[in-house]
């Protein structure tokens, strides 16, 4: 892959690692899979800069709040999914 065609993958010469979650809407059920790290901005010196998102804001953009989530599923317990 040529990183010049995807400049969003690099910032100040470091790889940007983005973590997210999935929202499954099945009938009247709302299932949040791997809620992610939330707000985080740290450096792995010389390698990468992991950045988290704003899960509550993202839910609000879908017209939902945390109270609207019926089930939370963790596929595994790494920091990028449960922090």
PDB file of N, CA and C in Angstrom:
ATOM      1  N   UNK A   1       0.848  -1.176   0.000  1.00  0.00           N
ATOM      2  CA  UNK A   1       0.000   0.000   0.000  1.00  0.00           C
ATOM      3  C   UNK A   1       0.888   1.232   0.000  1.00  0.00           C
ATOM      4  N   UNK A   2       0.539   2.186  -0.783  1.00  0.00           N
ATOM      5  CA  UNK A   2       1.239   3.461  -0.833  1.00  0.00           C
ATOM      6  C   UNK A   2       0.571   4.419   0.142  1.00  0.00           C
ATOM      7  N   UNK A   3       1.270   4.754   1.230  1.00  0.00           N
ATOM      8  CA  UNK A   3       0.671   5.610   2.266  1.00  0.00           C
ATOM      9  C   UNK A   3       0.371   7.010   1.766  1.00  0.00           C
ATOM     10  N   UNK A   4       0.982   7.415   0.661  1.00  0.00           N
ATOM     11  CA  UNK A   4       0.674   8.745   0.147  1.00  0.00           C
ATOM     12  C   UNK A   4      -0.742   8.805  -0.407  1.00  0.00           C
ATOM     13  N   UNK A   5      -1.320   7.656  -0.785  1.00  0.00           N
ATOM     14  CA  UNK A   5      -2.701   7.661  -1.261  1.00  0.00           C
ATOM     15  C   UNK A   5      -3.693   7.615  -0.112  1.00  0.00           C
ATOM     16  N   UNK A   6      -3.201   7.347   1.093  1.00  0.00           N
ATOM     17  CA  UNK A   6      -4.039   7.300   2.284  1.00  0.00           C
ATOM     18  C   UNK A   6      -3.376   8.111   3.393  1.00  0.00           C
ATOM     19  N   UNK A   7      -3.279   9.433   3.212  1.00  0.00           N
ATOM     20  CA  UNK A   7      -2.524  10.237   4.181  1.00  0.00           C
ATOM     21  C   UNK A   7      -3.090  10.183   5.592  1.00  0.00           C
ATOM     22  N   UNK A   8      -4.337   9.812   5.781  1.00  0.00           N
ATOM     23  CA  UNK A   8      -4.929   9.729   7.106  1.00  0.00           C
ATOM     24  C   UNK A   8      -4.353   8.626   7.966  1.00  0.00           C
ATOM     25  N   UNK A   9      -3.593   7.689   7.344  1.00  0.00           N
ATOM     26  CA  UNK A   9      -2.995   6.603   8.108  1.00  0.00           C
ATOM     27  C   UNK A   9      -1.734   7.034   8.847  1.00  0.00           C
ATOM     28  N   UNK A  10      -1.158   8.176   8.456  1.00  0.00           N
ATOM     29  CA  UNK A  10       0.066   8.656   9.083  1.00  0.00           C
ATOM     30  C   UNK A  10      -0.150  10.051   9.647  1.00  0.00           C
ATOM     31  N   UNK A  11       0.467  10.300  10.795  1.00  0.00           N
ATOM     32  CA  UNK A  11       0.444  11.628  11.385  1.00  0.00           C
ATOM     33  C   UNK A  11       1.813  11.859  11.995  1.00  0.00           C
ATOM     34  N   UNK A  12       2.510  12.873  11.526  1.00  0.00           N
ATOM     35  CA  UNK A  12       3.874  13.155  11.988  1.00  0.00           C
ATOM     36  C   UNK A  12       4.769  11.932  11.861  1.00  0.00           C
ATOM     37  N   UNK A  13       4.593  11.171  10.785  1.00  0.00           N
ATOM     38  CA  UNK A  13       5.419  10.007  10.534  1.00  0.00           C
ATOM     39  C   UNK A  13       5.062   8.775  11.341  1.00  0.00           C
ATOM     40  N   UNK A  14       4.002   8.836  12.131  1.00  0.00           N
ATOM     41  CA  UNK A  14       3.589   7.685  12.921  1.00  0.00           C
ATOM     42  C   UNK A  14       2.268   7.133  12.397  1.00  0.00           C
ATOM     43  N   UNK A  15       2.112   5.825  12.528  1.00  0.00           N
ATOM     44  CA  UNK A  15       0.891   5.145  12.118  1.00  0.00           C
ATOM     45  C   UNK A  15      -0.236   5.489  13.079  1.00  0.00           C
ATOM     46  N   UNK A  16      -1.400   5.816  12.545  1.00  0.00           N
ATOM     47  CA  UNK A  16      -2.573   6.078  13.371  1.00  0.00           C
ATOM     48  C   UNK A  16      -3.356   4.779  13.513  1.00  0.00           C
ATOM     49  N   UNK A  17      -3.551   4.337  14.752  1.00  0.00           N
ATOM     50  CA  UNK A  17      -4.320   3.127  15.029  1.00  0.00           C
ATOM     51  C   UNK A  17      -5.681   3.549  15.563  1.00  0.00           C
ATOM     52  N   UNK A  18      -6.723   3.170  14.880  1.00  0.00           N
ATOM     53  CA  UNK A  18      -8.069   3.557  15.259  1.00  0.00           C
ATOM     54  C   UNK A  18      -8.832   2.331  15.752  1.00  0.00           C
ATOM     55  N   UNK A  19      -9.517   2.477  16.880  1.00  0.00           N
ATOM     56  CA  UNK A  19     -10.284   1.380  17.450  1.00  0.00           C
ATOM     57  C   UNK A  19     -11.753   1.769  17.474  1.00  0.00           C
ATOM     58  N   UNK A  20     -12.602   0.843  17.189  1.00  0.00           N
ATOM     59  CA  UNK A  20     -14.023   1.134  17.188  1.00  0.00           C
ATOM     60  C   UNK A  20     -14.844  -0.037  17.659  1.00  0.00           C
ATOM     61  N   UNK A  21     -16.141   0.148  17.596  1.00  0.00           N
ATOM     62  CA  UNK A  21     -17.073  -0.886  18.020  1.00  0.00           C
ATOM     63  C   UNK A  21     -18.126  -1.071  16.940  1.00  0.00           C
ATOM     64  N   UNK A  22     -18.988  -2.037  17.164  1.00  0.00           N
ATOM     65  CA  UNK A  22     -20.081  -2.303  16.240  1.00  0.00           C
ATOM     66  C   UNK A  22     -21.394  -2.218  16.986  1.00  0.00           C
ATOM     67  N   UNK A  23     -22.384  -1.626  16.363  1.00  0.00           N
ATOM     68  CA  UNK A  23     -23.732  -1.590  16.908  1.00  0.00           C
ATOM     69  C   UNK A  23     -24.607  -2.461  16.021  1.00  0.00           C
ATOM     70  N   UNK A  24     -25.216  -3.457  16.627  1.00  0.00           N
ATOM     71  CA  UNK A  24     -26.115  -4.344  15.899  1.00  0.00           C
ATOM     72  C   UNK A  24     -27.534  -4.037  16.354  1.00  0.00           C
ATOM     73  N   UNK A  25     -28.392  -3.736  15.398  1.00  0.00           N
ATOM     74  CA  UNK A  25     -29.806  -3.492  15.688  1.00  0.00           C
ATOM     75  C   UNK A  25     -30.581  -4.679  15.118  1.00  0.00           C
ATOM     76  N   UNK A  26     -31.144  -5.476  16.024  1.00  0.00           N
ATOM     77  CA  UNK A  26     -31.878  -6.673  15.628  1.00  0.00           C
ATOM     78  C   UNK A  26     -33.281  -6.571  16.230  1.00  0.00           C
ATOM     79  N   UNK A  27     -34.229  -6.199  15.394  1.00  0.00           N
ATOM     80  CA  UNK A  27     -35.580  -5.957  15.908  1.00  0.00           C
ATOM     81  C   UNK A  27     -35.529  -4.780  16.867  1.00  0.00           C
ATOM     82  N   UNK A  28     -35.995  -4.992  18.088  1.00  0.00           N
ATOM     83  CA  UNK A  28     -35.960  -3.902  19.069  1.00  0.00           C
ATOM     84  C   UNK A  28     -34.742  -3.999  19.987  1.00  0.00           C
ATOM     85  N   UNK A  29     -33.824  -4.899  19.667  1.00  0.00           N
ATOM     86  CA  UNK A  29     -32.613  -5.079  20.471  1.00  0.00           C
ATOM     87  C   UNK A  29     -31.459  -4.251  19.907  1.00  0.00           C
ATOM     88  N   UNK A  30     -30.689  -3.652  20.805  1.00  0.00           N
ATOM     89  CA  UNK A  30     -29.492  -2.904  20.438  1.00  0.00           C
ATOM     90  C   UNK A  30     -28.312  -3.588  21.124  1.00  0.00           C
ATOM     91  N   UNK A  31     -27.383  -4.113  20.325  1.00  0.00           N
ATOM     92  CA  UNK A  31     -26.252  -4.878  20.842  1.00  0.00           C
ATOM     93  C   UNK A  31     -24.973  -4.133  20.467  1.00  0.00           C
ATOM     94  N   UNK A  32     -24.178  -3.773  21.475  1.00  0.00           N
ATOM     95  CA  UNK A  32     -22.922  -3.088  21.252  1.00  0.00           C
ATOM     96  C   UNK A  32     -21.791  -4.098  21.399  1.00  0.00           C
ATOM     97  N   UNK A  33     -21.014  -4.264  20.334  1.00  0.00           N
ATOM     98  CA  UNK A  33     -19.931  -5.247  20.305  1.00  0.00           C
ATOM     99  C   UNK A  33     -18.597  -4.515  20.411  1.00  0.00           C
ATOM    100  N   UNK A  34     -17.767  -4.932  21.358  1.00  0.00           N
ATOM    101  CA  UNK A  34     -16.444  -4.354  21.594  1.00  0.00           C
ATOM    102  C   UNK A  34     -16.521  -2.836  21.737  1.00  0.00           C
ATOM    103  N   UNK A  35     -16.968  -2.356  22.904  1.00  0.00           N
ATOM    104  CA  UNK A  35     -17.192  -0.928  23.100  1.00  0.00           C
ATOM    105  C   UNK A  35     -15.984  -0.022  22.870  1.00  0.00           C
ATOM    106  N   UNK A  36     -14.795  -0.566  22.765  1.00  0.00           N
ATOM    107  CA  UNK A  36     -13.577   0.176  22.417  1.00  0.00           C
ATOM    108  C   UNK A  36     -13.037   0.965  23.599  1.00  0.00           C
ATOM    109  N   UNK A  37     -12.053   1.771  23.325  1.00  0.00           N
ATOM    110  CA  UNK A  37     -11.316   2.431  24.396  1.00  0.00           C
ATOM    111  C   UNK A  37     -11.880   3.781  24.795  1.00  0.00           C
ATOM    112  N   UNK A  38     -12.827   4.303  24.046  1.00  0.00           N
ATOM    113  CA  UNK A  38     -13.283   5.655  24.364  1.00  0.00           C
ATOM    114  C   UNK A  38     -12.203   6.673  24.060  1.00  0.00           C
ATOM    115  N   UNK A  39     -12.169   7.738  24.826  1.00  0.00           N
ATOM    116  CA  UNK A  39     -11.216   8.812  24.580  1.00  0.00           C
ATOM    117  C   UNK A  39      -9.819   8.397  25.032  1.00  0.00           C
ATOM    118  N   UNK A  40      -8.905   8.306  24.093  1.00  0.00           N
ATOM    119  CA  UNK A  40      -7.508   7.999  24.387  1.00  0.00           C
ATOM    120  C   UNK A  40      -6.650   8.599  23.290  1.00  0.00           C
ATOM    121  N   UNK A  41      -5.513   9.111  23.662  1.00  0.00           N
ATOM    122  CA  UNK A  41      -4.560   9.646  22.695  1.00  0.00           C
ATOM    123  C   UNK A  41      -3.183   9.453  23.318  1.00  0.00           C
ATOM    124  N   UNK A  42      -2.520   8.365  22.981  1.00  0.00           N
ATOM    125  CA  UNK A  42      -1.220   8.028  23.541  1.00  0.00           C
ATOM    126  C   UNK A  42      -0.235   7.752  22.418  1.00  0.00           C
ATOM    127  N   UNK A  43       1.027   7.744  22.750  1.00  0.00           N
ATOM    128  CA  UNK A  43       2.069   7.438  21.769  1.00  0.00           C
ATOM    129  C   UNK A  43       2.712   6.097  22.063  1.00  0.00           C
ATOM    130  N   UNK A  44       3.026   5.368  21.007  1.00  0.00           N
ATOM    131  CA  UNK A  44       3.944   4.252  21.062  1.00  0.00           C
ATOM    132  C   UNK A  44       5.164   4.796  20.328  1.00  0.00           C
ATOM    133  N   UNK A  45       6.134   5.335  21.068  1.00  0.00           N
ATOM    134  CA  UNK A  45       7.223   6.114  20.466  1.00  0.00           C
ATOM    135  C   UNK A  45       7.865   5.456  19.253  1.00  0.00           C
ATOM    136  N   UNK A  46       7.921   6.233  18.175  1.00  0.00           N
ATOM    137  CA  UNK A  46       8.557   5.788  16.951  1.00  0.00           C
ATOM    138  C   UNK A  46       7.746   4.832  16.107  1.00  0.00           C
ATOM    139  N   UNK A  47       6.553   4.464  16.583  1.00  0.00           N
ATOM    140  CA  UNK A  47       5.767   3.457  15.857  1.00  0.00           C
ATOM    141  C   UNK A  47       4.374   3.954  15.515  1.00  0.00           C
ATOM    142  N   UNK A  48       3.605   4.264  16.535  1.00  0.00           N
ATOM    143  CA  UNK A  48       2.187   4.527  16.292  1.00  0.00           C
ATOM    144  C   UNK A  48       1.615   5.463  17.343  1.00  0.00           C
ATOM    145  N   UNK A  49       0.442   5.967  17.029  1.00  0.00           N
ATOM    146  CA  UNK A  49      -0.310   6.804  17.947  1.00  0.00           C
ATOM    147  C   UNK A  49      -1.750   6.286  17.982  1.00  0.00           C
ATOM    148  N   UNK A  50      -2.078   5.417  18.964  1.00  0.00           N
ATOM    149  CA  UNK A  50      -3.462   4.944  19.079  1.00  0.00           C
ATOM    150  C   UNK A  50      -4.405   6.088  19.460  1.00  0.00           C
ATOM    151  N   UNK A  51      -5.523   6.128  18.796  1.00  0.00           N
ATOM    152  CA  UNK A  51      -6.536   7.136  19.099  1.00  0.00           C
ATOM    153  C   UNK A  51      -7.877   6.455  19.268  1.00  0.00           C
ATOM    154  N   UNK A  52      -8.576   6.807  20.316  1.00  0.00           N
ATOM    155  CA  UNK A  52      -9.912   6.281  20.540  1.00  0.00           C
ATOM    156  C   UNK A  52     -10.953   7.294  20.110  1.00  0.00           C
ATOM    157  N   UNK A  53     -12.165   6.893  20.179  1.00  0.00           N
ATOM    158  CA  UNK A  53     -13.243   7.757  19.744  1.00  0.00           C
ATOM    159  C   UNK A  53     -14.092   8.257  20.889  1.00  0.00           C
ATOM    160  N   UNK A  54     -15.286   8.569  20.577  1.00  0.00           N
ATOM    161  CA  UNK A  54     -16.263   9.063  21.549  1.00  0.00           C
ATOM    162  C   UNK A  54     -17.515   8.212  21.427  1.00  0.00           C
ATOM    163  N   UNK A  55     -17.534   7.048  22.068  1.00  0.00           N
ATOM    164  CA  UNK A  55     -18.654   6.126  21.882  1.00  0.00           C
ATOM    165  C   UNK A  55     -20.006   6.725  22.237  1.00  0.00           C
ATOM    166  N   UNK A  56     -20.068   7.520  23.299  1.00  0.00           N
ATOM    167  CA  UNK A  56     -21.365   8.108  23.669  1.00  0.00           C
ATOM    168  C   UNK A  56     -21.821   9.128  22.632  1.00  0.00           C
ATOM    169  N   UNK A  57     -20.881   9.911  22.114  1.00  0.00           N
ATOM    170  CA  UNK A  57     -21.228  10.864  21.053  1.00  0.00           C
ATOM    171  C   UNK A  57     -21.677  10.121  19.796  1.00  0.00           C
ATOM    172  N   UNK A  58     -20.975   9.028  19.476  1.00  0.00           N
ATOM    173  CA  UNK A  58     -21.346   8.252  18.291  1.00  0.00           C
ATOM    174  C   UNK A  58     -22.734   7.650  18.439  1.00  0.00           C
ATOM    175  N   UNK A  59     -23.058   7.165  19.635  1.00  0.00           N
ATOM    176  CA  UNK A  59     -24.419   6.666  19.869  1.00  0.00           C
ATOM    177  C   UNK A  59     -25.435   7.790  19.701  1.00  0.00           C
ATOM    178  N   UNK A  60     -25.120   8.959  20.257  1.00  0.00           N
ATOM    179  CA  UNK A  60     -26.038  10.105  20.157  1.00  0.00           C
ATOM    180  C   UNK A  60     -26.282  10.483  18.704  1.00  0.00           C
ATOM    181  N   UNK A  61     -25.248  10.363  17.865  1.00  0.00           N
ATOM    182  CA  UNK A  61     -25.414  10.661  16.441  1.00  0.00           C
ATOM    183  C   UNK A  61     -26.378   9.686  15.766  1.00  0.00           C
ATOM    184  N   UNK A  62     -26.568   8.521  16.383  1.00  0.00           N
ATOM    185  CA  UNK A  62     -27.531   7.538  15.887  1.00  0.00           C
ATOM    186  C   UNK A  62     -28.878   7.668  16.586  1.00  0.00           C
ATOM    187  N   UNK A  63     -29.008   8.707  17.425  1.00  0.00           N
ATOM    188  CA  UNK A  63     -30.254   8.920  18.148  1.00  0.00           C
ATOM    189  C   UNK A  63     -30.404   8.015  19.355  1.00  0.00           C
ATOM    190  N   UNK A  64     -29.280   7.500  19.868  1.00  0.00           N
ATOM    191  CA  UNK A  64     -29.305   6.561  20.990  1.00  0.00           C
ATOM    192  C   UNK A  64     -28.469   7.078  22.154  1.00  0.00           C
ATOM    193  N   UNK A  65     -28.707   6.511  23.329  1.00  0.00           N
ATOM    194  CA  UNK A  65     -27.868   6.777  24.500  1.00  0.00           C
ATOM    195  C   UNK A  65     -27.415   5.435  25.057  1.00  0.00           C
ATOM    196  N   UNK A  66     -26.557   5.465  26.065  1.00  0.00           N
ATOM    197  CA  UNK A  66     -26.102   4.225  26.688  1.00  0.00           C
ATOM    198  C   UNK A  66     -27.283   3.429  27.237  1.00  0.00           C
ATOM    199  N   UNK A  67     -28.318   4.110  27.695  1.00  0.00           N
ATOM    200  CA  UNK A  67     -29.500   3.421  28.233  1.00  0.00           C
ATOM    201  C   UNK A  67     -30.266   2.637  27.175  1.00  0.00           C
ATOM    202  N   UNK A  68     -30.031   2.945  25.904  1.00  0.00           N
ATOM    203  CA  UNK A  68     -30.718   2.242  24.823  1.00  0.00           C
ATOM    204  C   UNK A  68     -30.045   0.921  24.449  1.00  0.00           C
ATOM    205  N   UNK A  69     -28.859   0.673  25.001  1.00  0.00           N
ATOM    206  CA  UNK A  69     -28.128  -0.556  24.688  1.00  0.00           C
ATOM    207  C   UNK A  69     -28.634  -1.677  25.585  1.00  0.00           C
ATOM    208  N   UNK A  70     -29.078  -2.761  24.957  1.00  0.00           N
ATOM    209  CA  UNK A  70     -29.615  -3.907  25.695  1.00  0.00           C
ATOM    210  C   UNK A  70     -28.529  -4.888  26.116  1.00  0.00           C
ATOM    211  N   UNK A  71     -27.541  -5.060  25.248  1.00  0.00           N
ATOM    212  CA  UNK A  71     -26.514  -6.068  25.485  1.00  0.00           C
ATOM    213  C   UNK A  71     -25.165  -5.524  25.039  1.00  0.00           C
ATOM    214  N   UNK A  72     -24.132  -5.806  25.826  1.00  0.00           N
ATOM    215  CA  UNK A  72     -22.759  -5.486  25.448  1.00  0.00           C
ATOM    216  C   UNK A  72     -22.008  -6.794  25.321  1.00  0.00           C
ATOM    217  N   UNK A  73     -21.324  -6.977  24.196  1.00  0.00           N
ATOM    218  CA  UNK A  73     -20.565  -8.195  23.935  1.00  0.00           C
ATOM    219  C   UNK A  73     -19.100  -7.823  23.762  1.00  0.00           C
ATOM    220  N   UNK A  74     -18.230  -8.516  24.497  1.00  0.00           N
ATOM    221  CA  UNK A  74     -16.789  -8.363  24.329  1.00  0.00           C
ATOM    222  C   UNK A  74     -16.283  -9.609  23.615  1.00  0.00           C
ATOM    223  N   UNK A  75     -15.647  -9.421  22.460  1.00  0.00           N
ATOM    224  CA  UNK A  75     -15.127 -10.577  21.740  1.00  0.00           C
ATOM    225  C   UNK A  75     -13.837 -11.082  22.360  1.00  0.00           C
ATOM    226  N   UNK A  76     -13.102 -10.172  23.010  1.00  0.00           N
ATOM    227  CA  UNK A  76     -11.903 -10.541  23.765  1.00  0.00           C
ATOM    228  C   UNK A  76     -11.551  -9.356  24.651  1.00  0.00           C
ATOM    229  N   UNK A  77     -10.682  -9.573  25.626  1.00  0.00           N
ATOM    230  CA  UNK A  77     -10.471  -8.567  26.659  1.00  0.00           C
ATOM    231  C   UNK A  77      -9.162  -7.798  26.520  1.00  0.00           C
ATOM    232  N   UNK A  78      -8.820  -7.420  25.306  1.00  0.00           N
ATOM    233  CA  UNK A  78      -7.667  -6.547  25.099  1.00  0.00           C
ATOM    234  C   UNK A  78      -8.081  -5.098  25.381  1.00  0.00           C
ATOM    235  N   UNK A  79      -7.096  -4.266  25.701  1.00  0.00           N
ATOM    236  CA  UNK A  79      -7.355  -2.862  26.047  1.00  0.00           C
ATOM    237  C   UNK A  79      -8.140  -2.124  24.978  1.00  0.00           C
ATOM    238  N   UNK A  80      -7.922  -2.451  23.706  1.00  0.00           N
ATOM    239  CA  UNK A  80      -8.612  -1.739  22.632  1.00  0.00           C
ATOM    240  C   UNK A  80     -10.102  -2.044  22.576  1.00  0.00           C
ATOM    241  N   UNK A  81     -10.579  -2.975  23.411  1.00  0.00           N
ATOM    242  CA  UNK A  81     -11.993  -3.297  23.417  1.00  0.00           C
ATOM    243  C   UNK A  81     -12.675  -3.068  24.757  1.00  0.00           C
ATOM    244  N   UNK A  82     -11.919  -3.014  25.841  1.00  0.00           N
ATOM    245  CA  UNK A  82     -12.558  -2.915  27.147  1.00  0.00           C
ATOM    246  C   UNK A  82     -12.017  -1.768  28.007  1.00  0.00           C
ATOM    247  N   UNK A  83     -11.138  -0.939  27.460  1.00  0.00           N
ATOM    248  CA  UNK A  83     -10.526   0.117  28.264  1.00  0.00           C
ATOM    249  C   UNK A  83     -11.492   1.203  28.630  1.00  0.00           C
TER     250      UNK A  83
END
